[in-house]
Amino acid sequence: MGTKGTTYLGIDGGGTRCRARIEDEGGRLLGEASSGPATTRIGIEKAWRSITEATEAAAAQAGLTRNDFARMHAAIGLAGLGRRGAEAALNQLAHPFASIVFISDGMAACLGAHSGADGAIVVAGTGSVGVGLIGGREIRIAGYGFPVSDEGSGADIGLQVVRLALRAADRRSELTPLLSEVLGAFDTDPYQAVAWSEEARATDYAAFAPIVLRHANLGDPVGRRIVERAADAIGDLLDLFLARGIDRLSLVGGLSEAITPWLTPDLRNRLKRPDADAAAGALLVARGRLTLPTKDINHEQAAKFRV
C-alpha cells in the first residue's frame, strides 16, 4: 500500500543505534523503527546502510513503499558528521527522497529537547558532547570523539575501568569488587584484555559503564571515583553553557538518568526534562520549520570545530 501524501522522516543516527520516525503532514506518527549504529566513524557506507534499514522498516510499518520516498522529506541527524570529508561524502550519495538535510545528532537532540527554541543539551551516552542554540547560532563544546575526547561518556567510563582493572591485576592497586568483575570479563587474564582492546570500539568500552555505575551506587570506591570524574566532566559542559547565557539546559543520552544524581545540587536543579528526542528535532528540520543555525566560530576550545 502507498500514499499520495507528503511525509517526513527524522533520523537519529548515533554510535549505538539508528532510529527512524515517519510522520504525515499533520504530525501523525506513521512508522518508527531502529537499526544498528549510524556514525561516520564506522564508515559512510555502513552508516548509510543503517539509515536505509531503519527507514525501510519504519516505512513498512507505515504501509509505505519505496515509491512513496519521492514524496518524503528527510532530515538525518548523524553522529560524526563533522569528521573531515564526511558531510561532502554524504551529499554525494544517491537518495530516493524529495529532499534531504544532514545535521549532527547533537543538534537534532538539542532541537528536539527545546522544541527548536534557544537552549542547550549535554549528551551523556556512548560519547559526550555539548550542543547549544542561541540567537540563531550553534555552539558546540567538546565531542571530538573517543578516545581523545568525550569525557564523562560511557566509552570514557569503560576505558577508565579497564585501565584500573589492569593495574589491579598487577597488584598496583586494590582489587575491588568492581575491578574483579571487569577482570572476570577477560577470564582474569590481562593479556586477553589487551588483545580485546586492540580492536575494541567506543561501544565496546561503553558496555562496561552500567557495571561501573552499579558498583558505584553500591559504594565501590573505584566505581565512585570513576563516576564522580564523569559527572565533573558533564558538569563542566553544563557550566560553560550557563556562562554563555544559556539557562535552558537538558541532559540527554543513555547515561543521562544514571549520571544526574552525581551532579551538584545546583546543576541538578537547573536541568529541565527534554520536550522531545533527537528524531523529533530532525523532523522539525525535515518540515522546514527551522532555519539551520550558523556555527559559532568562537568555540571555547578551538577556532575550527565540527558540525
C-alpha atoms as a PDB file:
ATOM      1  CA  MET A   1       0.000   0.000   0.000  1.00  0.00           C
ATOM      2  CA  GLY A   2       1.238   3.520  -0.757  1.00  0.00           C
ATOM      3  CA  THR A   3       0.151   7.081  -0.132  1.00  0.00           C
ATOM      4  CA  LYS A   4      -0.075  10.169  -2.286  1.00  0.00           C
ATOM      5  CA  GLY A   5       0.504  12.489   0.643  1.00  0.00           C
ATOM      6  CA  THR A   6       3.722  14.200   1.697  1.00  0.00           C
ATOM      7  CA  THR A   7       5.573  12.511   4.563  1.00  0.00           C
ATOM      8  CA  TYR A   8       8.513  13.460   6.750  1.00  0.00           C
ATOM      9  CA  LEU A   9      11.407  11.367   8.003  1.00  0.00           C
ATOM     10  CA  GLY A  10      13.501  12.130  11.075  1.00  0.00           C
ATOM     11  CA  ILE A  11      16.649  10.110  11.732  1.00  0.00           C
ATOM     12  CA  ASP A  12      18.583   9.897  14.990  1.00  0.00           C
ATOM     13  CA  GLY A  13      21.808   8.195  13.972  1.00  0.00           C
ATOM     14  CA  GLY A  14      24.118   7.505  16.899  1.00  0.00           C
ATOM     15  CA  GLY A  15      27.058   5.378  17.859  1.00  0.00           C
ATOM     16  CA  THR A  16      24.886   2.618  19.294  1.00  0.00           C
ATOM     17  CA  ARG A  17      21.777   2.586  17.099  1.00  0.00           C
ATOM     18  CA  CYS A  18      19.847   4.408  14.401  1.00  0.00           C
ATOM     19  CA  ARG A  19      16.203   5.381  14.887  1.00  0.00           C
ATOM     20  CA  ALA A  20      13.863   6.391  12.081  1.00  0.00           C
ATOM     21  CA  ARG A  21      10.492   8.083  12.555  1.00  0.00           C
ATOM     22  CA  ILE A  22       7.985   8.898   9.801  1.00  0.00           C
ATOM     23  CA  GLU A  23       5.103  11.340  10.215  1.00  0.00           C
ATOM     24  CA  ASP A  24       2.419  12.693   7.907  1.00  0.00           C
ATOM     25  CA  GLU A  25       1.639  16.343   7.187  1.00  0.00           C
ATOM     26  CA  GLY A  26      -0.493  16.601  10.296  1.00  0.00           C
ATOM     27  CA  GLY A  27       2.252  15.293  12.577  1.00  0.00           C
ATOM     28  CA  ARG A  28       0.682  11.865  12.993  1.00  0.00           C
ATOM     29  CA  LEU A  29       3.153   9.050  13.621  1.00  0.00           C
ATOM     30  CA  LEU A  30       3.089   6.583  10.731  1.00  0.00           C
ATOM     31  CA  GLY A  31       6.025   4.336  11.499  1.00  0.00           C
ATOM     32  CA  GLU A  32       9.097   4.018  13.683  1.00  0.00           C
ATOM     33  CA  ALA A  33      11.976   1.545  13.675  1.00  0.00           C
ATOM     34  CA  SER A  34      15.595   1.048  14.720  1.00  0.00           C
ATOM     35  CA  SER A  35      18.721  -0.492  13.246  1.00  0.00           C
ATOM     36  CA  GLY A  36      22.410  -0.709  14.081  1.00  0.00           C
ATOM     37  CA  PRO A  37      24.938   2.099  14.618  1.00  0.00           C
ATOM     38  CA  ALA A  38      24.876   5.075  12.253  1.00  0.00           C
ATOM     39  CA  THR A  39      28.005   7.114  12.772  1.00  0.00           C
ATOM     40  CA  THR A  40      30.567   8.150  10.195  1.00  0.00           C
ATOM     41  CA  ARG A  41      33.223   6.525  12.388  1.00  0.00           C
ATOM     42  CA  ILE A  42      32.143   3.122  11.085  1.00  0.00           C
ATOM     43  CA  GLY A  43      32.308   4.396   7.502  1.00  0.00           C
ATOM     44  CA  ILE A  44      29.875   6.276   5.294  1.00  0.00           C
ATOM     45  CA  GLU A  45      28.582   3.128   3.577  1.00  0.00           C
ATOM     46  CA  LYS A  46      27.855   1.295   6.843  1.00  0.00           C
ATOM     47  CA  ALA A  47      26.196   4.356   8.351  1.00  0.00           C
ATOM     48  CA  TRP A  48      24.027   4.826   5.269  1.00  0.00           C
ATOM     49  CA  ARG A  49      23.116   1.141   5.359  1.00  0.00           C
ATOM     50  CA  SER A  50      21.842   1.533   8.936  1.00  0.00           C
ATOM     51  CA  ILE A  51      19.878   4.635   7.927  1.00  0.00           C
ATOM     52  CA  THR A  52      18.350   2.762   4.999  1.00  0.00           C
ATOM     53  CA  GLU A  53      17.458  -0.287   7.103  1.00  0.00           C
ATOM     54  CA  ALA A  54      15.758   1.795   9.795  1.00  0.00           C
ATOM     55  CA  THR A  55      13.913   3.894   7.213  1.00  0.00           C
ATOM     56  CA  GLU A  56      12.656   0.904   5.246  1.00  0.00           C
ATOM     57  CA  ALA A  57      11.485  -0.814   8.437  1.00  0.00           C
ATOM     58  CA  ALA A  58       9.624   2.326   9.548  1.00  0.00           C
ATOM     59  CA  ALA A  59       8.124   2.684   6.066  1.00  0.00           C
ATOM     60  CA  ALA A  60       6.929  -0.920   6.101  1.00  0.00           C
ATOM     61  CA  GLN A  61       5.239  -0.264   9.440  1.00  0.00           C
ATOM     62  CA  ALA A  62       3.574   2.777   7.884  1.00  0.00           C
ATOM     63  CA  GLY A  63       2.414   0.811   4.859  1.00  0.00           C
ATOM     64  CA  LEU A  64       4.669   2.831   2.537  1.00  0.00           C
ATOM     65  CA  THR A  65       6.735   1.591  -0.387  1.00  0.00           C
ATOM     66  CA  ARG A  66       9.958   2.964  -1.846  1.00  0.00           C
ATOM     67  CA  ASN A  67       7.846   4.747  -4.456  1.00  0.00           C
ATOM     68  CA  ASP A  68       6.479   6.882  -1.628  1.00  0.00           C
ATOM     69  CA  PHE A  69      10.001   8.065  -0.719  1.00  0.00           C
ATOM     70  CA  ALA A  70       9.803  10.536  -3.607  1.00  0.00           C
ATOM     71  CA  ARG A  71       7.246  12.447  -1.521  1.00  0.00           C
ATOM     72  CA  MET A  72       9.206  12.100   1.715  1.00  0.00           C
ATOM     73  CA  HIS A  73      11.336  14.942   3.104  1.00  0.00           C
ATOM     74  CA  ALA A  74      14.206  13.655   5.250  1.00  0.00           C
ATOM     75  CA  ALA A  75      16.443  15.162   7.912  1.00  0.00           C
ATOM     76  CA  ILE A  76      19.299  12.947   9.041  1.00  0.00           C
ATOM     77  CA  GLY A  77      20.843  13.569  12.460  1.00  0.00           C
ATOM     78  CA  LEU A  78      24.147  11.737  12.308  1.00  0.00           C
ATOM     79  CA  ALA A  79      26.986  11.161  14.750  1.00  0.00           C
ATOM     80  CA  GLY A  80      30.439  12.058  13.460  1.00  0.00           C
ATOM     81  CA  LEU A  81      29.125  14.420  10.785  1.00  0.00           C
ATOM     82  CA  GLY A  82      31.985  16.822  11.431  1.00  0.00           C
ATOM     83  CA  ARG A  83      34.683  14.306  10.546  1.00  0.00           C
ATOM     84  CA  ARG A  84      36.747  15.577   7.649  1.00  0.00           C
ATOM     85  CA  GLY A  85      35.017  14.932   4.348  1.00  0.00           C
ATOM     86  CA  ALA A  86      32.034  13.159   5.927  1.00  0.00           C
ATOM     87  CA  GLU A  87      29.319  15.654   5.020  1.00  0.00           C
ATOM     88  CA  ALA A  88      30.647  16.074   1.477  1.00  0.00           C
ATOM     89  CA  ALA A  89      30.654  12.300   1.005  1.00  0.00           C
ATOM     90  CA  LEU A  90      27.102  12.013   2.336  1.00  0.00           C
ATOM     91  CA  ASN A  91      25.893  14.735  -0.010  1.00  0.00           C
ATOM     92  CA  GLN A  92      27.266  12.742  -2.929  1.00  0.00           C
ATOM     93  CA  LEU A  93      25.133   9.706  -2.109  1.00  0.00           C
ATOM     94  CA  ALA A  94      22.183   8.944  -4.335  1.00  0.00           C
ATOM     95  CA  HIS A  95      18.989   9.023  -2.293  1.00  0.00           C
ATOM     96  CA  PRO A  96      15.307   8.400  -3.051  1.00  0.00           C
ATOM     97  CA  PHE A  97      13.838  11.315  -1.053  1.00  0.00           C
ATOM     98  CA  ALA A  98      12.118  14.523  -2.134  1.00  0.00           C
ATOM     99  CA  SER A  99      14.731  16.402  -0.102  1.00  0.00           C
ATOM    100  CA  ILE A 100      17.419  15.546   2.404  1.00  0.00           C
ATOM    101  CA  VAL A 101      19.308  17.543   5.029  1.00  0.00           C
ATOM    102  CA  PHE A 102      22.175  16.310   7.188  1.00  0.00           C
ATOM    103  CA  ILE A 103      22.702  17.710  10.676  1.00  0.00           C
ATOM    104  CA  SER A 104      24.701  16.461  13.639  1.00  0.00           C
ATOM    105  CA  ASP A 105      22.980  14.092  16.032  1.00  0.00           C
ATOM    106  CA  GLY A 106      23.754  16.589  18.790  1.00  0.00           C
ATOM    107  CA  MET A 107      21.938  19.433  17.041  1.00  0.00           C
ATOM    108  CA  ALA A 108      18.993  17.123  16.347  1.00  0.00           C
ATOM    109  CA  ALA A 109      18.839  16.303  20.054  1.00  0.00           C
ATOM    110  CA  CYS A 110      19.105  19.989  21.015  1.00  0.00           C
ATOM    111  CA  LEU A 111      16.299  20.986  18.658  1.00  0.00           C
ATOM    112  CA  GLY A 112      14.110  18.217  19.976  1.00  0.00           C
ATOM    113  CA  ALA A 113      14.867  18.938  23.627  1.00  0.00           C
ATOM    114  CA  HIS A 114      13.816  22.592  23.376  1.00  0.00           C
ATOM    115  CA  SER A 115      11.300  22.386  20.511  1.00  0.00           C
ATOM    116  CA  GLY A 116      13.594  24.471  18.309  1.00  0.00           C
ATOM    117  CA  ALA A 117      13.950  27.288  20.874  1.00  0.00           C
ATOM    118  CA  ASP A 118      17.218  28.576  22.342  1.00  0.00           C
ATOM    119  CA  GLY A 119      18.734  26.165  24.821  1.00  0.00           C
ATOM    120  CA  ALA A 120      21.471  23.622  25.230  1.00  0.00           C
ATOM    121  CA  ILE A 121      21.929  19.935  25.827  1.00  0.00           C
ATOM    122  CA  VAL A 122      24.755  17.809  27.074  1.00  0.00           C
ATOM    123  CA  VAL A 123      24.760  14.300  25.675  1.00  0.00           C
ATOM    124  CA  ALA A 124      25.907  11.571  28.036  1.00  0.00           C
ATOM    125  CA  GLY A 125      25.798   8.351  26.091  1.00  0.00           C
ATOM    126  CA  THR A 126      28.355   6.214  24.292  1.00  0.00           C
ATOM    127  CA  GLY A 127      30.039   9.566  23.611  1.00  0.00           C
ATOM    128  CA  SER A 128      29.585  13.009  25.113  1.00  0.00           C
ATOM    129  CA  VAL A 129      29.183  16.491  23.676  1.00  0.00           C
ATOM    130  CA  GLY A 130      27.586  19.816  24.478  1.00  0.00           C
ATOM    131  CA  VAL A 131      25.407  21.497  21.836  1.00  0.00           C
ATOM    132  CA  GLY A 132      23.638  24.812  22.281  1.00  0.00           C
ATOM    133  CA  LEU A 133      21.489  27.162  20.244  1.00  0.00           C
ATOM    134  CA  ILE A 134      21.314  30.868  20.980  1.00  0.00           C
ATOM    135  CA  GLY A 135      20.234  33.680  18.694  1.00  0.00           C
ATOM    136  CA  GLY A 136      20.453  31.524  15.580  1.00  0.00           C
ATOM    137  CA  ARG A 137      24.000  30.386  16.403  1.00  0.00           C
ATOM    138  CA  GLU A 138      25.103  26.861  17.177  1.00  0.00           C
ATOM    139  CA  ILE A 139      27.585  26.426  19.997  1.00  0.00           C
ATOM    140  CA  ARG A 140      29.372  23.110  20.212  1.00  0.00           C
ATOM    141  CA  ILE A 141      31.665  22.141  23.067  1.00  0.00           C
ATOM    142  CA  ALA A 142      33.919  19.073  23.058  1.00  0.00           C
ATOM    143  CA  GLY A 143      32.650  15.873  21.446  1.00  0.00           C
ATOM    144  CA  TYR A 144      35.740  15.357  19.303  1.00  0.00           C
ATOM    145  CA  GLY A 145      35.414  11.600  19.584  1.00  0.00           C
ATOM    146  CA  PHE A 146      36.697   8.765  21.714  1.00  0.00           C
ATOM    147  CA  PRO A 147      39.375   8.310  22.988  1.00  0.00           C
ATOM    148  CA  VAL A 148      40.821  11.823  22.554  1.00  0.00           C
ATOM    149  CA  SER A 149      37.660  13.491  23.879  1.00  0.00           C
ATOM    150  CA  ASP A 150      34.152  12.519  25.102  1.00  0.00           C
ATOM    151  CA  GLU A 151      34.989  12.818  28.789  1.00  0.00           C
ATOM    152  CA  GLY A 152      32.159  11.617  31.008  1.00  0.00           C
ATOM    153  CA  SER A 153      30.768   9.317  28.326  1.00  0.00           C
ATOM    154  CA  GLY A 154      30.082   5.617  28.586  1.00  0.00           C
ATOM    155  CA  ALA A 155      33.129   4.876  26.455  1.00  0.00           C
ATOM    156  CA  ASP A 156      35.333   7.027  28.664  1.00  0.00           C
ATOM    157  CA  ILE A 157      33.984   5.362  31.809  1.00  0.00           C
ATOM    158  CA  GLY A 158      34.706   1.963  30.279  1.00  0.00           C
ATOM    159  CA  LEU A 159      38.232   2.948  29.298  1.00  0.00           C
ATOM    160  CA  GLN A 160      38.999   4.147  32.823  1.00  0.00           C
ATOM    161  CA  VAL A 161      37.763   0.974  34.468  1.00  0.00           C
ATOM    162  CA  VAL A 162      39.651  -1.329  32.099  1.00  0.00           C
ATOM    163  CA  ARG A 163      42.856   0.620  32.785  1.00  0.00           C
ATOM    164  CA  LEU A 164      42.324   0.383  36.526  1.00  0.00           C
ATOM    165  CA  ALA A 165      41.483  -3.314  36.295  1.00  0.00           C
ATOM    166  CA  LEU A 166      44.853  -3.935  34.634  1.00  0.00           C
ATOM    167  CA  ARG A 167      46.571  -2.027  37.431  1.00  0.00           C
ATOM    168  CA  ALA A 168      44.770  -4.169  39.990  1.00  0.00           C
ATOM    169  CA  ALA A 169      45.791  -7.335  38.125  1.00  0.00           C
ATOM    170  CA  ASP A 170      49.414  -6.265  38.639  1.00  0.00           C
ATOM    171  CA  ARG A 171      48.694  -5.526  42.322  1.00  0.00           C
ATOM    172  CA  ARG A 172      49.490  -1.887  41.710  1.00  0.00           C
ATOM    173  CA  SER A 173      46.150  -1.024  43.286  1.00  0.00           C
ATOM    174  CA  GLU A 174      43.388  -2.608  45.341  1.00  0.00           C
ATOM    175  CA  LEU A 175      41.235  -5.260  43.677  1.00  0.00           C
ATOM    176  CA  THR A 176      37.733  -4.020  44.464  1.00  0.00           C
ATOM    177  CA  PRO A 177      34.531  -5.934  43.584  1.00  0.00           C
ATOM    178  CA  LEU A 178      34.132  -3.712  40.507  1.00  0.00           C
ATOM    179  CA  LEU A 179      37.624  -4.401  39.201  1.00  0.00           C
ATOM    180  CA  SER A 180      37.253  -8.091  39.957  1.00  0.00           C
ATOM    181  CA  GLU A 181      34.088  -8.242  37.816  1.00  0.00           C
ATOM    182  CA  VAL A 182      35.753  -6.374  34.960  1.00  0.00           C
ATOM    183  CA  LEU A 183      38.772  -8.673  35.023  1.00  0.00           C
ATOM    184  CA  GLY A 184      36.374 -11.623  35.081  1.00  0.00           C
ATOM    185  CA  ALA A 185      35.063 -10.477  31.706  1.00  0.00           C
ATOM    186  CA  PHE A 186      38.549 -11.314  30.400  1.00  0.00           C
ATOM    187  CA  ASP A 187      38.932 -14.574  32.350  1.00  0.00           C
ATOM    188  CA  THR A 188      41.209 -12.681  34.768  1.00  0.00           C
ATOM    189  CA  ASP A 189      43.832 -12.599  32.022  1.00  0.00           C
ATOM    190  CA  PRO A 190      45.336  -9.123  31.410  1.00  0.00           C
ATOM    191  CA  TYR A 191      46.663 -10.177  28.015  1.00  0.00           C
ATOM    192  CA  GLN A 192      43.177 -11.165  26.917  1.00  0.00           C
ATOM    193  CA  ALA A 193      42.088  -7.643  27.848  1.00  0.00           C
ATOM    194  CA  VAL A 194      44.953  -6.205  25.819  1.00  0.00           C
ATOM    195  CA  ALA A 195      44.028  -8.311  22.786  1.00  0.00           C
ATOM    196  CA  TRP A 196      40.413  -7.162  23.132  1.00  0.00           C
ATOM    197  CA  SER A 197      41.473  -3.520  23.362  1.00  0.00           C
ATOM    198  CA  GLU A 198      43.332  -3.673  20.056  1.00  0.00           C
ATOM    199  CA  GLU A 199      40.030  -3.949  18.174  1.00  0.00           C
ATOM    200  CA  ALA A 200      37.537  -2.546  20.702  1.00  0.00           C
ATOM    201  CA  ARG A 201      35.369   0.382  19.642  1.00  0.00           C
ATOM    202  CA  ALA A 202      33.731   3.062  21.737  1.00  0.00           C
ATOM    203  CA  THR A 203      30.567   0.979  22.042  1.00  0.00           C
ATOM    204  CA  ASP A 204      32.596  -1.959  23.389  1.00  0.00           C
ATOM    205  CA  TYR A 205      34.094   0.187  26.142  1.00  0.00           C
ATOM    206  CA  ALA A 206      30.714   1.762  26.868  1.00  0.00           C
ATOM    207  CA  ALA A 207      29.313  -1.693  27.656  1.00  0.00           C
ATOM    208  CA  PHE A 208      31.246  -1.527  30.943  1.00  0.00           C
ATOM    209  CA  ALA A 209      29.607   1.742  32.044  1.00  0.00           C
ATOM    210  CA  PRO A 210      26.464   0.139  33.569  1.00  0.00           C
ATOM    211  CA  ILE A 211      28.715  -2.179  35.589  1.00  0.00           C
ATOM    212  CA  VAL A 212      30.709   0.790  36.893  1.00  0.00           C
ATOM    213  CA  LEU A 213      27.552   2.711  37.797  1.00  0.00           C
ATOM    214  CA  ARG A 214      26.046  -0.291  39.566  1.00  0.00           C
ATOM    215  CA  HIS A 215      29.135  -0.770  41.717  1.00  0.00           C
ATOM    216  CA  ALA A 216      29.453   2.980  42.336  1.00  0.00           C
ATOM    217  CA  ASN A 217      25.904   3.055  43.698  1.00  0.00           C
ATOM    218  CA  LEU A 218      26.813   0.125  45.945  1.00  0.00           C
ATOM    219  CA  GLY A 219      29.744   2.101  47.357  1.00  0.00           C
ATOM    220  CA  ASP A 220      32.697   0.596  45.479  1.00  0.00           C
ATOM    221  CA  PRO A 221      35.456   3.214  45.950  1.00  0.00           C
ATOM    222  CA  VAL A 222      36.907   2.830  42.454  1.00  0.00           C
ATOM    223  CA  GLY A 223      33.474   2.945  40.889  1.00  0.00           C
ATOM    224  CA  ARG A 224      32.622   6.073  42.844  1.00  0.00           C
ATOM    225  CA  ARG A 225      35.815   7.831  41.745  1.00  0.00           C
ATOM    226  CA  ILE A 226      35.206   6.986  38.087  1.00  0.00           C
ATOM    227  CA  VAL A 227      31.581   8.153  38.168  1.00  0.00           C
ATOM    228  CA  GLU A 228      32.436  11.305  40.131  1.00  0.00           C
ATOM    229  CA  ARG A 229      35.044  12.132  37.500  1.00  0.00           C
ATOM    230  CA  ALA A 230      32.487  11.549  34.739  1.00  0.00           C
ATOM    231  CA  ALA A 231      29.920  13.740  36.486  1.00  0.00           C
ATOM    232  CA  ASP A 232      32.505  16.503  36.876  1.00  0.00           C
ATOM    233  CA  ALA A 233      33.188  16.390  33.119  1.00  0.00           C
ATOM    234  CA  ILE A 234      29.483  16.558  32.283  1.00  0.00           C
ATOM    235  CA  GLY A 235      29.008  19.345  34.826  1.00  0.00           C
ATOM    236  CA  ASP A 236      31.826  21.357  33.249  1.00  0.00           C
ATOM    237  CA  LEU A 237      29.985  21.337  29.919  1.00  0.00           C
ATOM    238  CA  LEU A 238      26.759  22.490  31.572  1.00  0.00           C
ATOM    239  CA  ASP A 239      28.640  25.280  33.348  1.00  0.00           C
ATOM    240  CA  LEU A 240      30.111  26.506  30.067  1.00  0.00           C
ATOM    241  CA  PHE A 241      26.643  26.959  28.603  1.00  0.00           C
ATOM    242  CA  LEU A 242      25.489  28.830  31.690  1.00  0.00           C
ATOM    243  CA  ALA A 243      28.492  31.140  31.255  1.00  0.00           C
ATOM    244  CA  ARG A 244      27.339  31.822  27.680  1.00  0.00           C
ATOM    245  CA  GLY A 245      23.927  32.931  28.939  1.00  0.00           C
ATOM    246  CA  ILE A 246      22.009  29.761  28.079  1.00  0.00           C
ATOM    247  CA  ASP A 247      19.857  28.712  31.011  1.00  0.00           C
ATOM    248  CA  ARG A 248      17.561  26.172  29.342  1.00  0.00           C
ATOM    249  CA  LEU A 249      19.588  23.016  29.905  1.00  0.00           C
ATOM    250  CA  SER A 250      18.807  19.345  29.396  1.00  0.00           C
ATOM    251  CA  LEU A 251      20.886  16.234  29.907  1.00  0.00           C
ATOM    252  CA  VAL A 252      20.187  13.550  27.313  1.00  0.00           C
ATOM    253  CA  GLY A 253      21.624  10.236  26.209  1.00  0.00           C
ATOM    254  CA  GLY A 254      21.643   6.696  27.529  1.00  0.00           C
ATOM    255  CA  LEU A 255      23.547   7.576  30.710  1.00  0.00           C
ATOM    256  CA  SER A 256      21.728  10.819  31.493  1.00  0.00           C
ATOM    257  CA  GLU A 257      19.453   9.436  34.199  1.00  0.00           C
ATOM    258  CA  ALA A 258      22.268   7.476  35.830  1.00  0.00           C
ATOM    259  CA  ILE A 259      24.681  10.443  35.863  1.00  0.00           C
ATOM    260  CA  THR A 260      22.180  13.089  37.022  1.00  0.00           C
ATOM    261  CA  PRO A 261      22.260  12.096  40.734  1.00  0.00           C
ATOM    262  CA  TRP A 262      26.039  12.545  40.716  1.00  0.00           C
ATOM    263  CA  LEU A 263      25.872  16.166  39.555  1.00  0.00           C
ATOM    264  CA  THR A 264      25.992  19.048  42.023  1.00  0.00           C
ATOM    265  CA  PRO A 265      22.603  20.006  43.515  1.00  0.00           C
ATOM    266  CA  ASP A 266      22.733  23.380  41.728  1.00  0.00           C
ATOM    267  CA  LEU A 267      23.153  21.783  38.309  1.00  0.00           C
ATOM    268  CA  ARG A 268      20.502  19.140  39.003  1.00  0.00           C
ATOM    269  CA  ASN A 269      18.019  21.881  39.855  1.00  0.00           C
ATOM    270  CA  ARG A 270      18.768  23.735  36.618  1.00  0.00           C
ATOM    271  CA  LEU A 271      18.053  20.779  34.350  1.00  0.00           C
ATOM    272  CA  LYS A 272      14.719  20.540  32.531  1.00  0.00           C
ATOM    273  CA  ARG A 273      13.280  17.422  31.022  1.00  0.00           C
ATOM    274  CA  PRO A 274      13.665  17.399  27.225  1.00  0.00           C
ATOM    275  CA  ASP A 275      10.499  18.275  25.321  1.00  0.00           C
ATOM    276  CA  ALA A 276      11.207  15.515  22.814  1.00  0.00           C
ATOM    277  CA  ASP A 277      14.027  13.416  21.373  1.00  0.00           C
ATOM    278  CA  ALA A 278      16.531  13.773  18.544  1.00  0.00           C
ATOM    279  CA  ALA A 279      14.230  12.167  15.971  1.00  0.00           C
ATOM    280  CA  ALA A 280      11.644  14.856  16.785  1.00  0.00           C
ATOM    281  CA  GLY A 281      14.328  17.511  16.352  1.00  0.00           C
ATOM    282  CA  ALA A 282      15.249  16.097  12.958  1.00  0.00           C
ATOM    283  CA  LEU A 283      11.581  16.133  11.965  1.00  0.00           C
ATOM    284  CA  LEU A 284      11.419  19.876  12.711  1.00  0.00           C
ATOM    285  CA  VAL A 285      14.201  20.326  10.157  1.00  0.00           C
ATOM    286  CA  ALA A 286      12.595  17.955   7.647  1.00  0.00           C
ATOM    287  CA  ARG A 287       9.404  20.007   7.799  1.00  0.00           C
ATOM    288  CA  GLY A 288      11.370  23.184   7.048  1.00  0.00           C
ATOM    289  CA  ARG A 289      10.131  24.837  10.229  1.00  0.00           C
ATOM    290  CA  LEU A 290      13.587  25.966  11.300  1.00  0.00           C
ATOM    291  CA  THR A 291      16.404  27.968   9.794  1.00  0.00           C
ATOM    292  CA  LEU A 292      19.523  25.924  10.405  1.00  0.00           C
ATOM    293  CA  PRO A 293      21.822  27.714  12.861  1.00  0.00           C
ATOM    294  CA  THR A 294      25.156  29.188  11.864  1.00  0.00           C
ATOM    295  CA  LYS A 295      28.275  27.842  13.512  1.00  0.00           C
ATOM    296  CA  ASP A 296      29.859  29.802  16.335  1.00  0.00           C
ATOM    297  CA  ILE A 297      33.456  30.285  15.252  1.00  0.00           C
ATOM    298  CA  ASN A 298      34.385  31.500  18.743  1.00  0.00           C
ATOM    299  CA  HIS A 299      34.389  27.972  20.081  1.00  0.00           C
ATOM    300  CA  GLU A 300      35.580  27.544  23.657  1.00  0.00           C
ATOM    301  CA  GLN A 301      38.212  25.014  22.746  1.00  0.00           C
ATOM    302  CA  ALA A 302      39.130  25.565  19.115  1.00  0.00           C
ATOM    303  CA  ALA A 303      38.721  28.063  16.330  1.00  0.00           C
ATOM    304  CA  LYS A 304      37.579  25.372  13.967  1.00  0.00           C
ATOM    305  CA  PHE A 305      35.161  22.701  15.031  1.00  0.00           C
ATOM    306  CA  ARG A 306      32.854  20.034  13.747  1.00  0.00           C
ATOM    307  CA  VAL A 307      29.197  20.426  12.844  1.00  0.00           C
END
